[in-house]
Amino acid sequence: MLKEAKTAYPFECCGILVGSNGSEKEVCEIYPVENKNKVRAEDRYEIDSKTFDKIDREATKKKLKIIGLYHSHPDHPAAPSAFDKECACVWTEYSYIIISVRNGKEEELKSWCFDSEKQTLEEEKLKINRRKFIIGVSLIAFSFIFYFCIPLIFFLPLSLKVKAGSASISYFFSWGLTGIGIYFACKEGYEYLKQVVLKGFF
């Protein structure tokens, strides 16, 4: 979403959030879509109804649903505009994520949801689930521990042939585990590193 918001600047980007809506909303997939409003693209967004319906059908096949929309605010705060509030009054069940972009760089990201009692948009908490990143890092850490324990095989009361075979299999297993860990953590880890660590240096 942040990438789309920066790429679209100084115009608004928009997209659809697909996920589950249980006790807590959980976004599983993000679909960037074209902003059909070409007349006022700097402060308005419009999602094509056919695109919306297509994504809705695809989500249903996966036993998911559309749970929200996102769009950017070029050179404005991540707070709902009058137009955003009008949209929310129609689609009251959705979450609305707004990304503030100033001078081509994202400034803040907030999520809003319609409060039926107050009849207005209220900010809701956002939590980024880094499950894959945690699993990946755990597998990598375990593989390294396992790797450095392999030499202990040669202290076991086994024949040299069995020790060598066991060590070879263990080395392959260790590197395989590392590869799986990198697969899980790589993309999510890169984005996390870029946003949290590298952002302070650039």
C-alpha atoms as a PDB file:
ATOM      1  CA  MET A   1       0.000   0.000   0.000  1.00  0.00           C
ATOM      2  CA  LEU A   2       2.812   2.385   0.871  1.00  0.00           C
ATOM      3  CA  LYS A   3       4.554   1.623  -2.415  1.00  0.00           C
ATOM      4  CA  GLU A   4       1.359   2.276  -4.369  1.00  0.00           C
ATOM      5  CA  ALA A   5       0.765   5.538  -2.501  1.00  0.00           C
ATOM      6  CA  LYS A   6       4.270   6.825  -3.282  1.00  0.00           C
ATOM      7  CA  THR A   7       4.120   5.708  -6.909  1.00  0.00           C
ATOM      8  CA  ALA A   8       0.765   7.427  -7.493  1.00  0.00           C
ATOM      9  CA  TYR A   9       1.840  10.735  -5.898  1.00  0.00           C
ATOM     10  CA  PRO A  10       0.747  13.531  -6.438  1.00  0.00           C
ATOM     11  CA  PHE A  11      -2.488  11.683  -7.223  1.00  0.00           C
ATOM     12  CA  GLU A  12      -4.554   9.378  -5.053  1.00  0.00           C
ATOM     13  CA  CYS A  13      -4.095   5.629  -5.285  1.00  0.00           C
ATOM     14  CA  CYS A  14      -6.746   3.193  -4.153  1.00  0.00           C
ATOM     15  CA  GLY A  15      -7.270  -0.499  -3.524  1.00  0.00           C
ATOM     16  CA  ILE A  16      -9.382  -3.215  -1.983  1.00  0.00           C
ATOM     17  CA  LEU A  17      -8.760  -5.137   1.242  1.00  0.00           C
ATOM     18  CA  VAL A  18      -9.790  -8.785   1.322  1.00  0.00           C
ATOM     19  CA  GLY A  19      -9.841 -10.945   4.437  1.00  0.00           C
ATOM     20  CA  SER A  20     -11.963 -12.336   7.223  1.00  0.00           C
ATOM     21  CA  ASN A  21     -14.296 -10.510   9.547  1.00  0.00           C
ATOM     22  CA  GLY A  22     -14.590 -12.481  12.780  1.00  0.00           C
ATOM     23  CA  SER A  23     -14.077 -11.086  16.262  1.00  0.00           C
ATOM     24  CA  GLU A  24     -11.299  -9.050  14.655  1.00  0.00           C
ATOM     25  CA  LYS A  25     -10.840  -8.057  11.041  1.00  0.00           C
ATOM     26  CA  GLU A  26      -7.842  -9.655   9.377  1.00  0.00           C
ATOM     27  CA  VAL A  27      -6.554  -8.528   5.985  1.00  0.00           C
ATOM     28  CA  CYS A  28      -5.246 -11.493   3.987  1.00  0.00           C
ATOM     29  CA  GLU A  29      -4.906  -9.963   0.519  1.00  0.00           C
ATOM     30  CA  ILE A  30      -4.475  -6.459  -0.877  1.00  0.00           C
ATOM     31  CA  TYR A  31      -5.595  -5.551  -4.399  1.00  0.00           C
ATOM     32  CA  PRO A  32      -4.299  -2.258  -5.828  1.00  0.00           C
ATOM     33  CA  VAL A  33      -6.788  -0.984  -8.430  1.00  0.00           C
ATOM     34  CA  GLU A  34      -6.844   1.893 -10.880  1.00  0.00           C
ATOM     35  CA  ASN A  35      -8.240   5.212  -9.719  1.00  0.00           C
ATOM     36  CA  LYS A  36     -11.005   5.802 -12.267  1.00  0.00           C
ATOM     37  CA  ASN A  37     -11.452   9.432 -11.259  1.00  0.00           C
ATOM     38  CA  LYS A  38      -9.205  11.210 -13.762  1.00  0.00           C
ATOM     39  CA  VAL A  39     -10.792  14.637 -13.312  1.00  0.00           C
ATOM     40  CA  ARG A  40      -9.946  15.068  -9.619  1.00  0.00           C
ATOM     41  CA  ALA A  41      -7.322  12.370  -9.076  1.00  0.00           C
ATOM     42  CA  GLU A  42      -5.416  14.638  -6.700  1.00  0.00           C
ATOM     43  CA  ASP A  43      -8.175  14.510  -4.066  1.00  0.00           C
ATOM     44  CA  ARG A  44     -10.719  11.888  -5.170  1.00  0.00           C
ATOM     45  CA  TYR A  45     -10.692   8.190  -5.887  1.00  0.00           C
ATOM     46  CA  GLU A  46     -13.136   5.931  -7.672  1.00  0.00           C
ATOM     47  CA  ILE A  47     -13.089   2.143  -7.988  1.00  0.00           C
ATOM     48  CA  ASP A  48     -14.569   0.566 -11.074  1.00  0.00           C
ATOM     49  CA  SER A  49     -17.671  -1.481 -10.177  1.00  0.00           C
ATOM     50  CA  LYS A  50     -16.699  -4.342 -12.506  1.00  0.00           C
ATOM     51  CA  THR A  51     -13.268  -4.601 -10.850  1.00  0.00           C
ATOM     52  CA  PHE A  52     -14.928  -4.514  -7.445  1.00  0.00           C
ATOM     53  CA  ASP A  53     -17.346  -7.315  -8.373  1.00  0.00           C
ATOM     54  CA  LYS A  54     -14.545  -9.433  -9.855  1.00  0.00           C
ATOM     55  CA  ILE A  55     -12.434  -9.198  -6.693  1.00  0.00           C
ATOM     56  CA  ASP A  56     -15.531  -9.897  -4.588  1.00  0.00           C
ATOM     57  CA  ARG A  57     -16.197 -13.112  -6.542  1.00  0.00           C
ATOM     58  CA  GLU A  58     -12.560 -14.222  -6.254  1.00  0.00           C
ATOM     59  CA  ALA A  59     -12.635 -13.566  -2.507  1.00  0.00           C
ATOM     60  CA  THR A  60     -15.829 -15.611  -2.106  1.00  0.00           C
ATOM     61  CA  LYS A  61     -14.193 -18.593  -3.854  1.00  0.00           C
ATOM     62  CA  LYS A  62     -11.443 -18.453  -1.223  1.00  0.00           C
ATOM     63  CA  LYS A  63     -14.037 -18.173   1.565  1.00  0.00           C
ATOM     64  CA  LEU A  64     -12.970 -14.595   2.195  1.00  0.00           C
ATOM     65  CA  LYS A  65     -14.716 -11.270   1.699  1.00  0.00           C
ATOM     66  CA  ILE A  66     -14.033  -7.620   1.010  1.00  0.00           C
ATOM     67  CA  ILE A  67     -13.536  -5.996   4.403  1.00  0.00           C
ATOM     68  CA  GLY A  68     -12.279  -2.569   3.440  1.00  0.00           C
ATOM     69  CA  LEU A  69     -10.731  -0.078   1.059  1.00  0.00           C
ATOM     70  CA  TYR A  70      -7.564   1.971   1.104  1.00  0.00           C
ATOM     71  CA  HIS A  71      -6.502   5.176  -0.598  1.00  0.00           C
ATOM     72  CA  SER A  72      -3.864   7.858  -0.252  1.00  0.00           C
ATOM     73  CA  HIS A  73      -4.030  11.539   0.657  1.00  0.00           C
ATOM     74  CA  PRO A  74      -1.344  13.460  -1.261  1.00  0.00           C
ATOM     75  CA  ASP A  75      -0.013  16.301   0.913  1.00  0.00           C
ATOM     76  CA  HIS A  76      -2.870  15.898   3.398  1.00  0.00           C
ATOM     77  CA  PRO A  77      -3.241  14.131   6.772  1.00  0.00           C
ATOM     78  CA  ALA A  78      -4.412  10.519   7.036  1.00  0.00           C
ATOM     79  CA  ALA A  79      -7.801  11.718   8.261  1.00  0.00           C
ATOM     80  CA  PRO A  80     -11.158  11.214   6.490  1.00  0.00           C
ATOM     81  CA  SER A  81     -12.263  13.995   4.168  1.00  0.00           C
ATOM     82  CA  ALA A  82     -15.906  14.985   3.724  1.00  0.00           C
ATOM     83  CA  PHE A  83     -15.994  12.751   0.639  1.00  0.00           C
ATOM     84  CA  ASP A  84     -14.562   9.820   2.634  1.00  0.00           C
ATOM     85  CA  LYS A  85     -17.262  10.247   5.255  1.00  0.00           C
ATOM     86  CA  GLU A  86     -19.962  10.218   2.591  1.00  0.00           C
ATOM     87  CA  CYS A  87     -18.611   6.924   1.223  1.00  0.00           C
ATOM     88  CA  ALA A  88     -18.398   5.410   4.703  1.00  0.00           C
ATOM     89  CA  CYS A  89     -22.068   6.234   5.347  1.00  0.00           C
ATOM     90  CA  VAL A  90     -22.949   3.941   2.431  1.00  0.00           C
ATOM     91  CA  TRP A  91     -20.477   1.112   3.105  1.00  0.00           C
ATOM     92  CA  THR A  92     -20.666   1.142   6.896  1.00  0.00           C
ATOM     93  CA  GLU A  93     -19.172  -2.343   7.441  1.00  0.00           C
ATOM     94  CA  TYR A  94     -15.829  -1.554   5.797  1.00  0.00           C
ATOM     95  CA  SER A  95     -12.548  -0.363   7.223  1.00  0.00           C
ATOM     96  CA  TYR A  96     -10.969   2.598   5.444  1.00  0.00           C
ATOM     97  CA  ILE A  97      -7.191   2.835   5.463  1.00  0.00           C
ATOM     98  CA  ILE A  98      -5.793   6.243   4.550  1.00  0.00           C
ATOM     99  CA  ILE A  99      -2.118   6.844   3.747  1.00  0.00           C
ATOM    100  CA  SER A 100      -0.752  10.355   4.015  1.00  0.00           C
ATOM    101  CA  VAL A 101       1.961  11.104   1.432  1.00  0.00           C
ATOM    102  CA  ARG A 102       3.924  14.345   1.536  1.00  0.00           C
ATOM    103  CA  ASN A 103       6.476  15.229  -1.126  1.00  0.00           C
ATOM    104  CA  GLY A 104       6.402  11.662  -2.419  1.00  0.00           C
ATOM    105  CA  LYS A 105       7.117  10.040   0.955  1.00  0.00           C
ATOM    106  CA  GLU A 106       4.618   8.304   3.209  1.00  0.00           C
ATOM    107  CA  GLU A 107       4.053  10.163   6.466  1.00  0.00           C
ATOM    108  CA  GLU A 108       1.435   8.133   8.312  1.00  0.00           C
ATOM    109  CA  LEU A 109      -1.139   5.393   7.852  1.00  0.00           C
ATOM    110  CA  LYS A 110      -4.402   5.168   9.768  1.00  0.00           C
ATOM    111  CA  SER A 111      -7.497   2.997   9.612  1.00  0.00           C
ATOM    112  CA  TRP A 112     -11.035   4.247  10.123  1.00  0.00           C
ATOM    113  CA  CYS A 113     -14.362   2.519  10.668  1.00  0.00           C
ATOM    114  CA  PHE A 114     -17.916   3.856  10.718  1.00  0.00           C
ATOM    115  CA  ASP A 115     -19.429   4.152  14.188  1.00  0.00           C
ATOM    116  CA  SER A 116     -23.185   3.628  13.833  1.00  0.00           C
ATOM    117  CA  GLU A 117     -23.926   5.236  17.222  1.00  0.00           C
ATOM    118  CA  LYS A 118     -21.907   8.392  16.611  1.00  0.00           C
ATOM    119  CA  GLN A 119     -22.698   8.324  12.879  1.00  0.00           C
ATOM    120  CA  THR A 120     -19.118   9.203  12.028  1.00  0.00           C
ATOM    121  CA  LEU A 121     -15.768   7.605  11.250  1.00  0.00           C
ATOM    122  CA  GLU A 122     -13.677   6.577  14.248  1.00  0.00           C
ATOM    123  CA  GLU A 123     -10.026   5.552  14.146  1.00  0.00           C
ATOM    124  CA  GLU A 124      -9.409   1.832  14.715  1.00  0.00           C
ATOM    125  CA  LYS A 125      -6.276   0.023  15.854  1.00  0.00           C
ATOM    126  CA  LEU A 126      -3.955  -1.474  13.285  1.00  0.00           C
ATOM    127  CA  LYS A 127      -1.758  -4.457  14.058  1.00  0.00           C
ATOM    128  CA  ILE A 128       0.717  -5.910  11.570  1.00  0.00           C
ATOM    129  CA  ASN A 129       0.934  -9.687  11.826  1.00  0.00           C
ATOM    130  CA  ARG A 130       4.493 -10.830  11.123  1.00  0.00           C
ATOM    131  CA  ARG A 131       3.786 -14.539  11.583  1.00  0.00           C
ATOM    132  CA  LYS A 132       5.748 -15.644   8.511  1.00  0.00           C
ATOM    133  CA  PHE A 133       8.720 -13.483   9.467  1.00  0.00           C
ATOM    134  CA  ILE A 134       8.805 -14.951  12.992  1.00  0.00           C
ATOM    135  CA  ILE A 135       8.500 -18.523  11.666  1.00  0.00           C
ATOM    136  CA  GLY A 136      11.260 -17.898   9.131  1.00  0.00           C
ATOM    137  CA  VAL A 137      13.683 -16.380  11.633  1.00  0.00           C
ATOM    138  CA  SER A 138      12.971 -19.227  14.090  1.00  0.00           C
ATOM    139  CA  LEU A 139      13.729 -21.844  11.427  1.00  0.00           C
ATOM    140  CA  ILE A 140      16.963 -20.083  10.455  1.00  0.00           C
ATOM    141  CA  ALA A 141      18.053 -19.844  14.102  1.00  0.00           C
ATOM    142  CA  PHE A 142      17.237 -23.524  14.705  1.00  0.00           C
ATOM    143  CA  SER A 143      19.108 -24.566  11.544  1.00  0.00           C
ATOM    144  CA  PHE A 144      22.270 -22.760  12.699  1.00  0.00           C
ATOM    145  CA  ILE A 145      22.081 -24.338  16.150  1.00  0.00           C
ATOM    146  CA  PHE A 146      21.582 -27.720  14.503  1.00  0.00           C
ATOM    147  CA  TYR A 147      24.471 -27.040  12.107  1.00  0.00           C
ATOM    148  CA  PHE A 148      26.959 -26.316  14.896  1.00  0.00           C
ATOM    149  CA  CYS A 149      25.838 -29.424  16.805  1.00  0.00           C
ATOM    150  CA  ILE A 150      26.563 -31.768  13.877  1.00  0.00           C
ATOM    151  CA  PRO A 151      30.267 -32.302  14.823  1.00  0.00           C
ATOM    152  CA  LEU A 152      29.011 -33.929  18.052  1.00  0.00           C
ATOM    153  CA  ILE A 153      27.965 -36.901  15.904  1.00  0.00           C
ATOM    154  CA  PHE A 154      31.627 -37.934  15.690  1.00  0.00           C
ATOM    155  CA  PHE A 155      31.746 -38.383  19.467  1.00  0.00           C
ATOM    156  CA  LEU A 156      29.002 -41.022  19.357  1.00  0.00           C
ATOM    157  CA  PRO A 157      29.914 -44.723  19.669  1.00  0.00           C
ATOM    158  CA  LEU A 158      29.216 -45.453  15.983  1.00  0.00           C
ATOM    159  CA  SER A 159      31.283 -46.645  13.044  1.00  0.00           C
ATOM    160  CA  LEU A 160      33.057 -43.995  10.988  1.00  0.00           C
ATOM    161  CA  LYS A 161      30.888 -44.813   7.968  1.00  0.00           C
ATOM    162  CA  VAL A 162      27.663 -44.290   9.924  1.00  0.00           C
ATOM    163  CA  LYS A 163      29.034 -41.065  11.451  1.00  0.00           C
ATOM    164  CA  ALA A 164      30.005 -39.684   8.034  1.00  0.00           C
ATOM    165  CA  GLY A 165      26.631 -40.603   6.534  1.00  0.00           C
ATOM    166  CA  SER A 166      24.719 -39.105   9.442  1.00  0.00           C
ATOM    167  CA  ALA A 167      26.791 -35.920   9.297  1.00  0.00           C
ATOM    168  CA  SER A 168      26.189 -35.537   5.540  1.00  0.00           C
ATOM    169  CA  ILE A 169      22.428 -35.985   5.906  1.00  0.00           C
ATOM    170  CA  SER A 170      22.412 -33.566   8.830  1.00  0.00           C
ATOM    171  CA  TYR A 171      24.296 -30.914   6.831  1.00  0.00           C
ATOM    172  CA  PHE A 172      21.794 -31.194   3.969  1.00  0.00           C
ATOM    173  CA  PHE A 173      18.907 -31.026   6.438  1.00  0.00           C
ATOM    174  CA  SER A 174      20.402 -27.954   8.079  1.00  0.00           C
ATOM    175  CA  TRP A 175      20.822 -26.068   4.800  1.00  0.00           C
ATOM    176  CA  GLY A 176      17.351 -27.137   3.683  1.00  0.00           C
ATOM    177  CA  LEU A 177      15.900 -25.766   6.900  1.00  0.00           C
ATOM    178  CA  THR A 178      17.795 -22.516   6.344  1.00  0.00           C
ATOM    179  CA  GLY A 179      16.344 -22.262   2.840  1.00  0.00           C
ATOM    180  CA  ILE A 180      12.799 -22.768   4.107  1.00  0.00           C
ATOM    181  CA  GLY A 181      13.399 -20.143   6.797  1.00  0.00           C
ATOM    182  CA  ILE A 182      14.662 -17.639   4.229  1.00  0.00           C
ATOM    183  CA  TYR A 183      11.633 -18.370   2.034  1.00  0.00           C
ATOM    184  CA  PHE A 184       9.274 -17.509   4.901  1.00  0.00           C
ATOM    185  CA  ALA A 185      11.170 -14.493   6.221  1.00  0.00           C
ATOM    186  CA  CYS A 186      12.727 -12.952   3.126  1.00  0.00           C
ATOM    187  CA  LYS A 187       9.997 -10.728   1.662  1.00  0.00           C
ATOM    188  CA  GLU A 188       8.363  -9.795   4.957  1.00  0.00           C
ATOM    189  CA  GLY A 189      11.745  -9.310   6.585  1.00  0.00           C
ATOM    190  CA  TYR A 190      12.932  -7.008   3.813  1.00  0.00           C
ATOM    191  CA  GLU A 191       9.853  -4.804   4.118  1.00  0.00           C
ATOM    192  CA  TYR A 192      10.189  -4.749   7.918  1.00  0.00           C
ATOM    193  CA  LEU A 193      13.896  -3.915   7.713  1.00  0.00           C
ATOM    194  CA  LYS A 194      13.250  -1.180   5.167  1.00  0.00           C
ATOM    195  CA  GLN A 195      10.450   0.446   7.140  1.00  0.00           C
ATOM    196  CA  VAL A 196      11.828   0.136  10.678  1.00  0.00           C
ATOM    197  CA  VAL A 197      15.621   0.038  10.397  1.00  0.00           C
ATOM    198  CA  LEU A 198      16.743   1.559   7.096  1.00  0.00           C
ATOM    199  CA  LYS A 199      14.208   4.374   7.213  1.00  0.00           C
ATOM    200  CA  GLY A 200      16.291   6.073   9.888  1.00  0.00           C
ATOM    201  CA  PHE A 201      19.364   6.180   7.662  1.00  0.00           C
ATOM    202  CA  PHE A 202      17.790   7.481   4.419  1.00  0.00           C
END
